[in-house]
C-alpha cells in the first residue's frame, strides 16, 4: 500500500510540474495581438464564441490586449438563443514579474468585455451585453476558461487558432 501511495504521489508531482511548471506568456501577454481564440463550454447555458485580438496597450506600465469578440449562448431553462458582439480587454498575471517558483500563475488571463446583444425571439431583442472571465493556459494554444456573459455562463475549453 505504501509503495502504491508513493508511486501515485511521484506521478502527481511529475504531472503538476509539467502542467504548472512554466509560463506561456510573451512579454507578459497570453493573448497577443493578431491571435484568434475559439471557445466552447457549458454551464448555465451552452456557450461558444470567437475573439480576435487587435492591439496591445500599456496602462500604468502593465500590458493589456484589446480585441473584438462574438459569443452565442442557449440556456437550459429558456429557449431564446442570444448572440453578442463585444469589445474586450485582457490582462495576464505574467505581467506582474512573479518569482520563478510561481511562474505557473502567469498562465492566468483575466478578461472583461462590453457590447451589444441580440436575443432571438424575445419581445425586446436588442440590449447591452457584458462578459467577464478567466482562462488558464496549459500550453500556448490550449486553455480552460470560466466565463459569465449576458449570452450565458459556463466553463469550457479555449483554443488559439
Protein backbone atom coordinates (compact mmCIF):
# COMPACT_ATOMS: atom_id res chain seq x y z
CA UNK A 1 0.00 0.00 0.00
CA UNK A 2 2.81 2.39 0.89
CA UNK A 3 4.54 1.74 -2.46
CA UNK A 4 1.31 2.49 -4.37
CA UNK A 5 0.82 5.73 -2.43
CA UNK A 6 4.42 6.81 -3.05
CA UNK A 7 4.14 5.94 -6.76
CA UNK A 8 0.88 7.91 -7.02
CA UNK A 9 2.48 10.90 -5.27
CA UNK A 10 5.51 10.86 -7.62
CA UNK A 11 3.22 10.69 -10.70
CA UNK A 12 1.11 13.55 -9.33
CA UNK A 13 4.20 15.72 -8.76
CA UNK A 14 5.52 14.98 -12.26
CA UNK A 15 2.19 15.82 -13.89
CA UNK A 16 1.69 19.01 -11.86
CA UNK A 17 5.22 20.23 -12.56
CA UNK A 18 4.63 19.66 -16.28
CA UNK A 19 1.24 21.36 -16.27
CA UNK A 20 2.07 24.09 -13.76
CA UNK A 21 5.78 24.44 -14.48
CA UNK A 22 6.15 27.31 -16.89
CA UNK A 23 4.51 30.45 -18.13
CA UNK A 24 3.33 30.60 -21.74
CA UNK A 25 3.18 34.38 -21.91
CA UNK A 26 5.25 36.51 -24.24
CA UNK A 27 6.31 39.79 -22.66
CA UNK A 28 3.54 39.43 -20.05
CA UNK A 29 0.80 38.77 -22.64
CA UNK A 30 -1.05 35.48 -23.21
CA UNK A 31 -3.47 36.78 -25.87
CA UNK A 32 -1.17 38.58 -28.31
CA UNK A 33 -2.37 40.99 -30.99
CA UNK A 34 -3.30 39.08 -34.15
CA UNK A 35 -4.32 35.91 -32.33
CA UNK A 36 -7.72 34.27 -32.85
CA UNK A 37 -9.32 32.33 -30.00
CA UNK A 38 -12.28 29.96 -30.18
CA UNK A 39 -14.08 28.65 -27.12
CA UNK A 40 -16.91 26.27 -26.32
CA UNK A 41 -18.40 25.42 -22.95
CA UNK A 42 -21.42 24.63 -20.87
CA UNK A 43 -22.83 25.57 -17.50
CA UNK A 44 -25.93 27.71 -17.07
CA UNK A 45 -26.03 27.69 -20.86
CA UNK A 46 -24.35 26.11 -23.86
CA UNK A 47 -21.88 28.85 -24.93
CA UNK A 48 -19.31 29.41 -27.61
CA UNK A 49 -17.53 32.13 -29.49
CA UNK A 50 -14.54 33.65 -31.20
CA UNK A 51 -12.23 36.53 -30.41
CA UNK A 52 -9.68 38.46 -32.43
CA UNK A 53 -7.00 40.40 -30.55
CA UNK A 54 -6.35 43.74 -32.19
CA UNK A 55 -3.69 45.61 -30.23
CA UNK A 56 -1.67 45.81 -27.04
CA UNK A 57 -1.67 48.90 -24.83
CA UNK A 58 0.16 49.78 -21.63
CA UNK A 59 -1.77 51.15 -18.67
CA UNK A 60 0.27 52.00 -15.57
CA UNK A 61 3.21 50.10 -17.11
CA UNK A 62 1.13 46.89 -17.39
CA UNK A 63 0.26 45.32 -20.79
CA UNK A 64 -3.38 44.88 -21.78
CA UNK A 65 -4.66 43.34 -25.02
CA UNK A 66 -7.71 44.89 -26.70
CA UNK A 67 -9.87 42.79 -29.01
CA UNK A 68 -13.28 42.08 -30.52
CA UNK A 69 -15.34 39.02 -29.57
CA UNK A 70 -18.53 37.31 -30.61
CA UNK A 71 -20.43 34.98 -28.27
CA UNK A 72 -23.56 32.87 -28.60
CA UNK A 73 -25.49 31.02 -25.93
CA UNK A 74 -28.62 28.98 -25.39
CA UNK A 75 -29.77 28.44 -21.81
CA UNK A 76 -31.12 25.17 -20.47
CA UNK A 77 -34.19 26.81 -18.89
CA UNK A 78 -35.06 29.26 -21.68
CA UNK A 79 -35.39 28.80 -25.43
CA UNK A 80 -34.15 32.19 -26.63
CA UNK A 81 -30.70 31.98 -28.22
CA UNK A 82 -28.58 35.08 -27.62
CA UNK A 83 -25.68 36.37 -29.69
CA UNK A 84 -23.42 39.24 -28.77
CA UNK A 85 -20.55 41.35 -30.06
CA UNK A 86 -18.10 42.78 -27.52
CA UNK A 87 -15.01 44.93 -27.19
CA UNK A 88 -12.65 43.06 -24.84
CA UNK A 89 -9.61 43.75 -22.67
CA UNK A 90 -7.24 41.03 -21.37
CA UNK A 91 -4.71 41.09 -18.54
CA UNK A 92 -2.34 38.20 -17.79
CA UNK A 93 -0.81 37.71 -14.35
CA UNK A 94 2.52 37.06 -16.09
CA UNK A 95 2.90 40.83 -16.35
CA UNK A 96 3.44 41.03 -12.57
CA UNK A 97 7.07 39.81 -12.62
CA UNK A 98 6.44 36.79 -10.39
CA UNK A 99 9.20 34.74 -8.72
CA UNK A 100 10.32 31.65 -10.64
CA UNK A 101 8.52 29.20 -8.34
CA UNK A 102 5.22 31.00 -9.03
CA UNK A 103 5.72 31.27 -12.80
CA UNK A 104 2.71 28.99 -13.45
CA UNK A 105 0.41 31.69 -12.00
CA UNK A 106 1.37 33.75 -15.05
CA UNK A 107 -0.82 31.42 -17.16
CA UNK A 108 -3.99 33.05 -15.78
CA UNK A 109 -5.60 35.53 -18.17
CA UNK A 110 -8.44 37.75 -16.91
CA UNK A 111 -10.76 39.49 -19.34
CA UNK A 112 -13.74 41.83 -19.48
CA UNK A 113 -15.95 42.91 -22.33
CA UNK A 114 -18.80 45.28 -23.16
CA UNK A 115 -21.01 45.26 -26.24
CA UNK A 116 -24.42 44.61 -27.73
CA UNK A 117 -26.67 41.54 -27.61
CA UNK A 118 -29.43 40.25 -29.83
CA UNK A 119 -31.86 37.72 -28.32
CA UNK A 120 -33.75 35.77 -30.97
CA UNK A 121 -37.49 35.53 -30.27
CA UNK A 122 -37.52 37.97 -27.35
CA UNK A 123 -40.04 40.81 -27.05
CA UNK A 124 -37.12 43.25 -26.64
CA UNK A 125 -34.36 41.62 -28.70
CA UNK A 126 -31.62 44.29 -28.51
CA UNK A 127 -29.67 45.23 -25.41
CA UNK A 128 -26.30 45.97 -23.89
CA UNK A 129 -24.12 42.97 -23.16
CA UNK A 130 -21.16 42.11 -20.96
CA UNK A 131 -18.72 39.29 -20.38
CA UNK A 132 -16.22 38.59 -17.65
CA UNK A 133 -13.96 35.60 -17.28
CA UNK A 134 -10.66 33.93 -16.59
CA UNK A 135 -8.65 31.44 -18.62
CA UNK A 136 -5.80 29.17 -17.55
CA UNK A 137 -3.38 28.17 -20.31
CA UNK A 138 -1.96 24.63 -20.24
CA UNK A 139 0.04 25.31 -23.42
CA UNK A 140 0.46 28.18 -25.87
CA UNK A 141 -2.72 27.14 -27.70
CA UNK A 142 -4.94 25.38 -25.14
CA UNK A 143 -6.72 26.76 -22.08
CA UNK A 144 -9.70 26.13 -19.84
CA UNK A 145 -11.99 29.04 -19.08
CA UNK A 146 -14.84 30.10 -16.79
CA UNK A 147 -17.00 32.95 -18.03
CA UNK A 148 -20.04 34.93 -17.05
CA UNK A 149 -21.73 36.56 -20.00
CA UNK A 150 -25.05 38.13 -20.94
CA UNK A 151 -25.22 35.41 -23.63
CA UNK A 152 -24.87 32.69 -20.98
CA UNK A 153 -22.41 31.49 -18.35
CA UNK A 154 -20.25 28.41 -18.20
CA UNK A 155 -16.85 26.80 -18.31
CA UNK A 156 -15.07 25.02 -21.11
CA UNK A 157 -12.11 24.81 -23.43
CA UNK A 158 -10.39 27.61 -25.36
CA UNK A 159 -8.23 27.07 -28.44
CA UNK A 160 -5.89 29.53 -30.13
CA UNK A 161 -6.28 29.06 -33.87
